[in-house]
C-alpha atoms as a PDB file:
ATOM      1  CA  UNK A   1     103.383 -91.510  -9.134  1.00  0.00           C
ATOM      2  CA  UNK A   2     107.406 -92.813  -9.854  1.00  0.00           C
ATOM      3  CA  UNK A   3     109.705 -89.657  -9.930  1.00  0.00           C
ATOM      4  CA  UNK A   4     111.801 -89.634 -13.295  1.00  0.00           C
ATOM      5  CA  UNK A   5     115.330 -89.976 -12.755  1.00  0.00           C
ATOM      6  CA  UNK A   6     116.069 -88.379 -16.194  1.00  0.00           C
ATOM      7  CA  UNK A   7     113.740 -85.292 -15.847  1.00  0.00           C
ATOM      8  CA  UNK A   8     115.363 -82.161 -15.621  1.00  0.00           C
ATOM      9  CA  UNK A   9     116.337 -80.823 -12.478  1.00  0.00           C
ATOM     10  CA  UNK A  10     113.739 -77.754 -12.784  1.00  0.00           C
ATOM     11  CA  UNK A  11     110.904 -79.995 -14.059  1.00  0.00           C
ATOM     12  CA  UNK A  12     107.891 -80.507 -11.233  1.00  0.00           C
ATOM     13  CA  UNK A  13     107.483 -83.141  -9.525  1.00  0.00           C
ATOM     14  CA  UNK A  14     103.925 -83.705  -9.773  1.00  0.00           C
ATOM     15  CA  UNK A  15     101.645 -83.477 -12.606  1.00  0.00           C
ATOM     16  CA  UNK A  16      99.093 -81.798 -10.483  1.00  0.00           C
ATOM     17  CA  UNK A  17      98.435 -78.485 -11.343  1.00  0.00           C
ATOM     18  CA  UNK A  18      99.179 -76.655  -7.916  1.00  0.00           C
ATOM     19  CA  UNK A  19      96.218 -74.275  -6.228  1.00  0.00           C
ATOM     20  CA  UNK A  20      96.787 -70.743  -5.272  1.00  0.00           C
ATOM     21  CA  UNK A  21      96.886 -70.103  -1.550  1.00  0.00           C
ATOM     22  CA  UNK A  22      94.017 -67.933  -0.682  1.00  0.00           C
ATOM     23  CA  UNK A  23      95.527 -64.565   1.197  1.00  0.00           C
ATOM     24  CA  UNK A  24      92.847 -62.843   2.921  1.00  0.00           C
ATOM     25  CA  UNK A  25      93.131 -59.135   1.917  1.00  0.00           C
ATOM     26  CA  UNK A  26      91.580 -56.425   4.138  1.00  0.00           C
ATOM     27  CA  UNK A  27      89.388 -54.026   2.694  1.00  0.00           C
ATOM     28  CA  UNK A  28      90.713 -50.755   3.087  1.00  0.00           C
ATOM     29  CA  UNK A  29      88.648 -47.557   3.283  1.00  0.00           C
ATOM     30  CA  UNK A  30      89.234 -44.937   0.538  1.00  0.00           C
ATOM     31  CA  UNK A  31      90.817 -41.949   2.010  1.00  0.00           C
ATOM     32  CA  UNK A  32      87.778 -39.434   0.930  1.00  0.00           C
ATOM     33  CA  UNK A  33      85.558 -41.619   2.698  1.00  0.00           C
ATOM     34  CA  UNK A  34      87.536 -41.512   5.651  1.00  0.00           C
ATOM     35  CA  UNK A  35      87.320 -37.764   5.098  1.00  0.00           C
ATOM     36  CA  UNK A  36      84.060 -37.244   4.493  1.00  0.00           C
ATOM     37  CA  UNK A  37      82.914 -39.582   7.712  1.00  0.00           C
ATOM     38  CA  UNK A  38      85.421 -37.514   9.956  1.00  0.00           C
ATOM     39  CA  UNK A  39      83.759 -34.065   8.948  1.00  0.00           C
ATOM     40  CA  UNK A  40      80.589 -35.426   9.650  1.00  0.00           C
ATOM     41  CA  UNK A  41      81.228 -36.612  12.878  1.00  0.00           C
ATOM     42  CA  UNK A  42      82.477 -33.493  13.519  1.00  0.00           C
ATOM     43  CA  UNK A  43      79.860 -31.503  12.261  1.00  0.00           C
ATOM     44  CA  UNK A  44      76.977 -33.152  14.007  1.00  0.00           C
ATOM     45  CA  UNK A  45      79.008 -33.232  17.358  1.00  0.00           C
ATOM     46  CA  UNK A  46      79.566 -29.500  17.280  1.00  0.00           C
ATOM     47  CA  UNK A  47      75.678 -29.166  16.619  1.00  0.00           C
ATOM     48  CA  UNK A  48      74.950 -31.312  19.611  1.00  0.00           C
ATOM     49  CA  UNK A  49      77.148 -29.356  21.663  1.00  0.00           C
ATOM     50  CA  UNK A  50      75.932 -26.099  20.108  1.00  0.00           C
ATOM     51  CA  UNK A  51      72.311 -27.215  21.062  1.00  0.00           C
ATOM     52  CA  UNK A  52      72.664 -28.847  23.908  1.00  0.00           C
ATOM     53  CA  UNK A  53      76.162 -27.457  25.810  1.00  0.00           C
ATOM     54  CA  UNK A  54      77.609 -24.190  24.707  1.00  0.00           C
ATOM     55  CA  UNK A  55      77.175 -21.794  22.086  1.00  0.00           C
ATOM     56  CA  UNK A  56      78.701 -18.405  20.591  1.00  0.00           C
ATOM     57  CA  UNK A  57      77.000 -15.038  21.023  1.00  0.00           C
ATOM     58  CA  UNK A  58      78.002 -11.730  19.827  1.00  0.00           C
ATOM     59  CA  UNK A  59      77.367  -8.420  21.857  1.00  0.00           C
ATOM     60  CA  UNK A  60      76.061  -5.590  18.969  1.00  0.00           C
ATOM     61  CA  UNK A  61      74.923  -3.037  21.322  1.00  0.00           C
ATOM     62  CA  UNK A  62      75.996  -0.877  24.058  1.00  0.00           C
ATOM     63  CA  UNK A  63      72.852  -2.494  26.459  1.00  0.00           C
ATOM     64  CA  UNK A  64      75.469  -4.247  28.861  1.00  0.00           C
ATOM     65  CA  UNK A  65      77.785  -1.803  29.139  1.00  0.00           C
ATOM     66  CA  UNK A  66      80.369  -1.604  31.277  1.00  0.00           C
ATOM     67  CA  UNK A  67      80.129  -5.369  31.886  1.00  0.00           C
ATOM     68  CA  UNK A  68      79.508  -6.019  27.970  1.00  0.00           C
ATOM     69  CA  UNK A  69      81.466  -4.115  25.764  1.00  0.00           C
ATOM     70  CA  UNK A  70      80.019  -4.121  21.529  1.00  0.00           C
ATOM     71  CA  UNK A  71      82.724  -6.288  19.875  1.00  0.00           C
ATOM     72  CA  UNK A  72      82.854  -8.807  23.291  1.00  0.00           C
ATOM     73  CA  UNK A  73      82.630 -12.519  22.191  1.00  0.00           C
ATOM     74  CA  UNK A  74      80.635 -14.538  24.438  1.00  0.00           C
ATOM     75  CA  UNK A  75      80.086 -18.340  25.079  1.00  0.00           C
ATOM     76  CA  UNK A  76      76.859 -19.466  26.868  1.00  0.00           C
ATOM     77  CA  UNK A  77      76.488 -22.381  29.386  1.00  0.00           C
ATOM     78  CA  UNK A  78      73.147 -24.119  27.748  1.00  0.00           C
ATOM     79  CA  UNK A  79      72.588 -27.340  30.146  1.00  0.00           C
ATOM     80  CA  UNK A  80      73.090 -25.576  33.146  1.00  0.00           C
ATOM     81  CA  UNK A  81      69.079 -24.145  33.208  1.00  0.00           C
ATOM     82  CA  UNK A  82      68.194 -26.826  31.249  1.00  0.00           C
ATOM     83  CA  UNK A  83      68.566 -26.764  27.213  1.00  0.00           C
ATOM     84  CA  UNK A  84      65.488 -26.019  24.862  1.00  0.00           C
ATOM     85  CA  UNK A  85      64.938 -29.606  22.576  1.00  0.00           C
ATOM     86  CA  UNK A  86      65.043 -28.326  19.241  1.00  0.00           C
ATOM     87  CA  UNK A  87      61.394 -27.897  17.405  1.00  0.00           C
ATOM     88  CA  UNK A  88      59.564 -28.567  20.304  1.00  0.00           C
ATOM     89  CA  UNK A  89      58.328 -26.440  23.403  1.00  0.00           C
ATOM     90  CA  UNK A  90      60.512 -29.058  25.689  1.00  0.00           C
ATOM     91  CA  UNK A  91      63.798 -28.560  27.818  1.00  0.00           C
ATOM     92  CA  UNK A  92      65.953 -30.812  29.459  1.00  0.00           C
ATOM     93  CA  UNK A  93      65.982 -30.881  33.292  1.00  0.00           C
ATOM     94  CA  UNK A  94      68.529 -28.120  34.402  1.00  0.00           C
ATOM     95  CA  UNK A  95      70.981 -27.938  36.833  1.00  0.00           C
ATOM     96  CA  UNK A  96      69.798 -24.818  38.735  1.00  0.00           C
ATOM     97  CA  UNK A  97      67.349 -22.459  37.921  1.00  0.00           C
ATOM     98  CA  UNK A  98      68.820 -18.549  36.914  1.00  0.00           C
ATOM     99  CA  UNK A  99      69.365 -16.772  39.853  1.00  0.00           C
ATOM    100  CA  UNK A 100      69.756 -13.029  40.815  1.00  0.00           C
ATOM    101  CA  UNK A 101      72.595 -11.436  38.880  1.00  0.00           C
ATOM    102  CA  UNK A 102      72.903 -14.073  36.823  1.00  0.00           C
ATOM    103  CA  UNK A 103      73.212 -12.499  32.822  1.00  0.00           C
ATOM    104  CA  UNK A 104      71.520 -14.581  30.979  1.00  0.00           C
ATOM    105  CA  UNK A 105      70.347 -14.798  26.786  1.00  0.00           C
ATOM    106  CA  UNK A 106      67.337 -15.056  26.155  1.00  0.00           C
ATOM    107  CA  UNK A 107      64.915 -14.858  23.023  1.00  0.00           C
ATOM    108  CA  UNK A 108      63.485 -11.245  23.092  1.00  0.00           C
ATOM    109  CA  UNK A 109      59.797 -11.189  23.873  1.00  0.00           C
ATOM    110  CA  UNK A 110      58.556  -9.160  20.786  1.00  0.00           C
ATOM    111  CA  UNK A 111      60.486 -11.085  18.036  1.00  0.00           C
ATOM    112  CA  UNK A 112      61.995 -14.798  19.162  1.00  0.00           C
ATOM    113  CA  UNK A 113      64.496 -14.799  15.871  1.00  0.00           C
ATOM    114  CA  UNK A 114      66.215 -12.106  17.881  1.00  0.00           C
ATOM    115  CA  UNK A 115      68.427 -13.447  21.170  1.00  0.00           C
ATOM    116  CA  UNK A 116      69.042 -10.822  23.631  1.00  0.00           C
ATOM    117  CA  UNK A 117      71.224 -10.347  26.757  1.00  0.00           C
ATOM    118  CA  UNK A 118      70.283  -9.020  29.742  1.00  0.00           C
ATOM    119  CA  UNK A 119      70.830  -9.023  33.905  1.00  0.00           C
ATOM    120  CA  UNK A 120      68.328 -11.154  36.072  1.00  0.00           C
ATOM    121  CA  UNK A 121      66.992  -8.821  38.674  1.00  0.00           C
ATOM    122  CA  UNK A 122      64.002  -9.813  39.874  1.00  0.00           C
ATOM    123  CA  UNK A 123      62.740 -13.660  40.825  1.00  0.00           C
ATOM    124  CA  UNK A 124      59.282 -15.450  40.437  1.00  0.00           C
ATOM    125  CA  UNK A 125      57.339 -13.966  43.556  1.00  0.00           C
ATOM    126  CA  UNK A 126      59.806 -10.858  44.263  1.00  0.00           C
ATOM    127  CA  UNK A 127      58.600  -7.423  44.137  1.00  0.00           C
ATOM    128  CA  UNK A 128      60.431  -4.661  41.624  1.00  0.00           C
ATOM    129  CA  UNK A 129      60.090  -1.280  42.500  1.00  0.00           C
ATOM    130  CA  UNK A 130      62.204   1.515  41.033  1.00  0.00           C
ATOM    131  CA  UNK A 131      63.240   5.105  42.040  1.00  0.00           C
ATOM    132  CA  UNK A 132      65.103   7.327  40.878  1.00  0.00           C
ATOM    133  CA  UNK A 133      68.723   5.234  39.897  1.00  0.00           C
ATOM    134  CA  UNK A 134      67.938   2.750  42.956  1.00  0.00           C
ATOM    135  CA  UNK A 135      66.410  -0.398  42.361  1.00  0.00           C
ATOM    136  CA  UNK A 136      64.314  -2.055  45.072  1.00  0.00           C
ATOM    137  CA  UNK A 137      63.520  -5.786  45.454  1.00  0.00           C
ATOM    138  CA  UNK A 138      60.919  -6.903  48.469  1.00  0.00           C
ATOM    139  CA  UNK A 139      61.535  -3.420  50.093  1.00  0.00           C
ATOM    140  CA  UNK A 140      65.399  -3.819  50.007  1.00  0.00           C
ATOM    141  CA  UNK A 141      67.764  -1.225  48.143  1.00  0.00           C
ATOM    142  CA  UNK A 142      69.780  -3.515  45.343  1.00  0.00           C
ATOM    143  CA  UNK A 143      73.522  -3.217  45.448  1.00  0.00           C
ATOM    144  CA  UNK A 144      74.738  -2.385  42.181  1.00  0.00           C
ATOM    145  CA  UNK A 145      78.553  -1.801  41.395  1.00  0.00           C
ATOM    146  CA  UNK A 146      78.008  -2.880  37.759  1.00  0.00           C
ATOM    147  CA  UNK A 147      74.655  -0.148  36.710  1.00  0.00           C
ATOM    148  CA  UNK A 148      75.918   2.674  34.668  1.00  0.00           C
ATOM    149  CA  UNK A 149      73.836   6.056  34.213  1.00  0.00           C
ATOM    150  CA  UNK A 150      73.586   8.758  32.436  1.00  0.00           C
ATOM    151  CA  UNK A 151      75.446  11.649  34.516  1.00  0.00           C
ATOM    152  CA  UNK A 152      73.397  14.234  32.055  1.00  0.00           C
ATOM    153  CA  UNK A 153      69.898  12.708  32.430  1.00  0.00           C
ATOM    154  CA  UNK A 154      67.885  13.584  35.813  1.00  0.00           C
ATOM    155  CA  UNK A 155      66.374  10.538  37.104  1.00  0.00           C
ATOM    156  CA  UNK A 156      64.517  12.366  39.858  1.00  0.00           C
ATOM    157  CA  UNK A 157      61.092  11.273  38.423  1.00  0.00           C
ATOM    158  CA  UNK A 158      62.189   7.940  36.736  1.00  0.00           C
ATOM    159  CA  UNK A 159      59.834   5.450  38.890  1.00  0.00           C
ATOM    160  CA  UNK A 160      58.468   1.877  38.111  1.00  0.00           C
ATOM    161  CA  UNK A 161      56.389  -0.355  40.303  1.00  0.00           C
ATOM    162  CA  UNK A 162      56.174  -2.134  42.714  1.00  0.00           C
ATOM    163  CA  UNK A 163      55.532  -5.117  40.490  1.00  0.00           C
ATOM    164  CA  UNK A 164      54.875  -8.701  41.052  1.00  0.00           C
ATOM    165  CA  UNK A 165      56.994 -10.840  39.020  1.00  0.00           C
ATOM    166  CA  UNK A 166      54.941 -13.776  38.369  1.00  0.00           C
ATOM    167  CA  UNK A 167      56.173 -17.541  39.540  1.00  0.00           C
ATOM    168  CA  UNK A 168      57.403 -18.651  35.692  1.00  0.00           C
ATOM    169  CA  UNK A 169      59.248 -15.264  34.854  1.00  0.00           C
ATOM    170  CA  UNK A 170      62.260 -13.033  35.638  1.00  0.00           C
ATOM    171  CA  UNK A 171      62.304  -9.398  35.236  1.00  0.00           C
ATOM    172  CA  UNK A 172      65.356  -7.953  33.397  1.00  0.00           C
ATOM    173  CA  UNK A 173      67.771  -4.748  32.915  1.00  0.00           C
ATOM    174  CA  UNK A 174      70.537  -4.154  31.160  1.00  0.00           C
ATOM    175  CA  UNK A 175      73.774  -2.660  32.955  1.00  0.00           C
ATOM    176  CA  UNK A 176      73.693   0.455  30.899  1.00  0.00           C
ATOM    177  CA  UNK A 177      70.114   1.797  32.467  1.00  0.00           C
ATOM    178  CA  UNK A 178      69.446   4.585  29.995  1.00  0.00           C
ATOM    179  CA  UNK A 179      70.276   2.643  27.151  1.00  0.00           C
ATOM    180  CA  UNK A 180      68.604  -0.508  27.358  1.00  0.00           C
ATOM    181  CA  UNK A 181      65.563  -2.586  26.386  1.00  0.00           C
ATOM    182  CA  UNK A 182      64.786  -4.833  29.331  1.00  0.00           C
ATOM    183  CA  UNK A 183      61.324  -5.480  31.429  1.00  0.00           C
ATOM    184  CA  UNK A 184      60.966  -1.756  32.376  1.00  0.00           C
ATOM    185  CA  UNK A 185      59.301  -1.780  28.722  1.00  0.00           C
ATOM    186  CA  UNK A 186      58.379  -5.183  27.401  1.00  0.00           C
ATOM    187  CA  UNK A 187      57.537  -6.817  30.583  1.00  0.00           C
ATOM    188  CA  UNK A 188      58.696  -9.900  31.880  1.00  0.00           C
ATOM    189  CA  UNK A 189      60.700 -12.499  30.604  1.00  0.00           C
ATOM    190  CA  UNK A 190      59.110 -15.898  30.319  1.00  0.00           C
ATOM    191  CA  UNK A 191      61.190 -19.009  32.043  1.00  0.00           C
ATOM    192  CA  UNK A 192      60.744 -21.053  28.837  1.00  0.00           C
ATOM    193  CA  UNK A 193      62.365 -18.186  26.572  1.00  0.00           C
ATOM    194  CA  UNK A 194      65.689 -18.881  28.351  1.00  0.00           C
ATOM    195  CA  UNK A 195      68.639 -19.874  26.312  1.00  0.00           C
ATOM    196  CA  UNK A 196      71.633 -19.978  28.580  1.00  0.00           C
ATOM    197  CA  UNK A 197      74.200 -18.535  31.289  1.00  0.00           C
ATOM    198  CA  UNK A 198      77.039 -15.721  30.055  1.00  0.00           C
ATOM    199  CA  UNK A 199      79.956 -17.080  31.548  1.00  0.00           C
ATOM    200  CA  UNK A 200      83.330 -16.221  29.401  1.00  0.00           C
ATOM    201  CA  UNK A 201      84.371 -13.551  27.144  1.00  0.00           C
ATOM    202  CA  UNK A 202      86.504 -15.486  24.951  1.00  0.00           C
ATOM    203  CA  UNK A 203      87.112 -12.972  21.699  1.00  0.00           C
ATOM    204  CA  UNK A 204      86.802  -9.259  22.040  1.00  0.00           C
ATOM    205  CA  UNK A 205      87.194  -6.607  18.828  1.00  0.00           C
ATOM    206  CA  UNK A 206      86.687  -2.988  19.505  1.00  0.00           C
ATOM    207  CA  UNK A 207      85.365  -1.556  16.190  1.00  0.00           C
ATOM    208  CA  UNK A 208      86.362   1.708  16.756  1.00  0.00           C
ATOM    209  CA  UNK A 209      90.205   1.442  16.386  1.00  0.00           C
ATOM    210  CA  UNK A 210      89.888  -2.429  14.887  1.00  0.00           C
ATOM    211  CA  UNK A 211      91.759  -3.706  17.297  1.00  0.00           C
ATOM    212  CA  UNK A 212      91.940  -6.654  19.833  1.00  0.00           C
ATOM    213  CA  UNK A 213      91.133  -5.642  23.217  1.00  0.00           C
ATOM    214  CA  UNK A 214      93.403  -8.598  24.641  1.00  0.00           C
ATOM    215  CA  UNK A 215      92.638  -7.800  28.194  1.00  0.00           C
ATOM    216  CA  UNK A 216      89.322  -8.949  28.013  1.00  0.00           C
ATOM    217  CA  UNK A 217      90.463 -12.274  26.688  1.00  0.00           C
ATOM    218  CA  UNK A 218      89.535 -14.900  29.178  1.00  0.00           C
ATOM    219  CA  UNK A 219      86.824 -12.493  31.265  1.00  0.00           C
ATOM    220  CA  UNK A 220      84.352 -14.730  33.132  1.00  0.00           C
ATOM    221  CA  UNK A 221      81.389 -14.238  35.242  1.00  0.00           C
ATOM    222  CA  UNK A 222      81.570 -15.310  38.942  1.00  0.00           C
ATOM    223  CA  UNK A 223      78.556 -15.578  41.636  1.00  0.00           C
ATOM    224  CA  UNK A 224      76.119 -12.285  41.094  1.00  0.00           C
ATOM    225  CA  UNK A 225      77.141 -11.929  38.040  1.00  0.00           C
ATOM    226  CA  UNK A 226      80.283  -9.814  38.283  1.00  0.00           C
ATOM    227  CA  UNK A 227      83.234 -10.286  36.153  1.00  0.00           C
ATOM    228  CA  UNK A 228      86.421 -10.939  36.527  1.00  0.00           C
ATOM    229  CA  UNK A 229      89.576 -10.634  34.211  1.00  0.00           C
ATOM    230  CA  UNK A 230      92.723 -12.503  34.662  1.00  0.00           C
ATOM    231  CA  UNK A 231      94.694 -10.193  32.333  1.00  0.00           C
ATOM    232  CA  UNK A 232      93.712  -6.990  34.217  1.00  0.00           C
ATOM    233  CA  UNK A 233      94.549  -8.171  37.433  1.00  0.00           C
ATOM    234  CA  UNK A 234      97.904  -9.254  35.981  1.00  0.00           C
ATOM    235  CA  UNK A 235      98.649  -5.770  34.452  1.00  0.00           C
ATOM    236  CA  UNK A 236     102.079  -3.951  36.387  1.00  0.00           C
END
């Protein structure tokens, strides 16, 4: 096509219609969708962690005093013994089996909708015998600095056993020996009823004074189930 020298300066130099240049545009998710996806992922992660890794529990009674106080909030390690697969009777492989002295959360044998917390005293195959304030395992008395007895109660005639712990069970006792419903009353704890091992106190609230027990924060359970409180040790 020939150019017209008399055409205005701003006249188009072609009689063809210019085609629009395609511009790639990225589809952006809406802000609402992004928030919903983030919330769903967070919920799923929380459920997985709660089911298979760590779960929080509250101490509602004094059966584990003085180790655990009413109003303590604890975290329980569920994968150490092998977490239960939901809606089945199966358990994942654990790191180790419960040991004597471990403080564990389990399904109450007489009502599995309730969770109990006690200390492991007898392991599978052990022989447990209780006389007065002394617990004997395989004929040897246990050293139990954590055990609490009511000074106003006579334990002279208190006796249990001897009784052999079945191969798939444990003998459980609360540290508050005069105020604990445990294996002395409802029998042995089956291995498949164990939920996990208590390992730290992350919060503690005194319901009587309505105040935080801040010295109990971060208290953890070392070997043998003894409690160690870093903030207590730092007290002047």
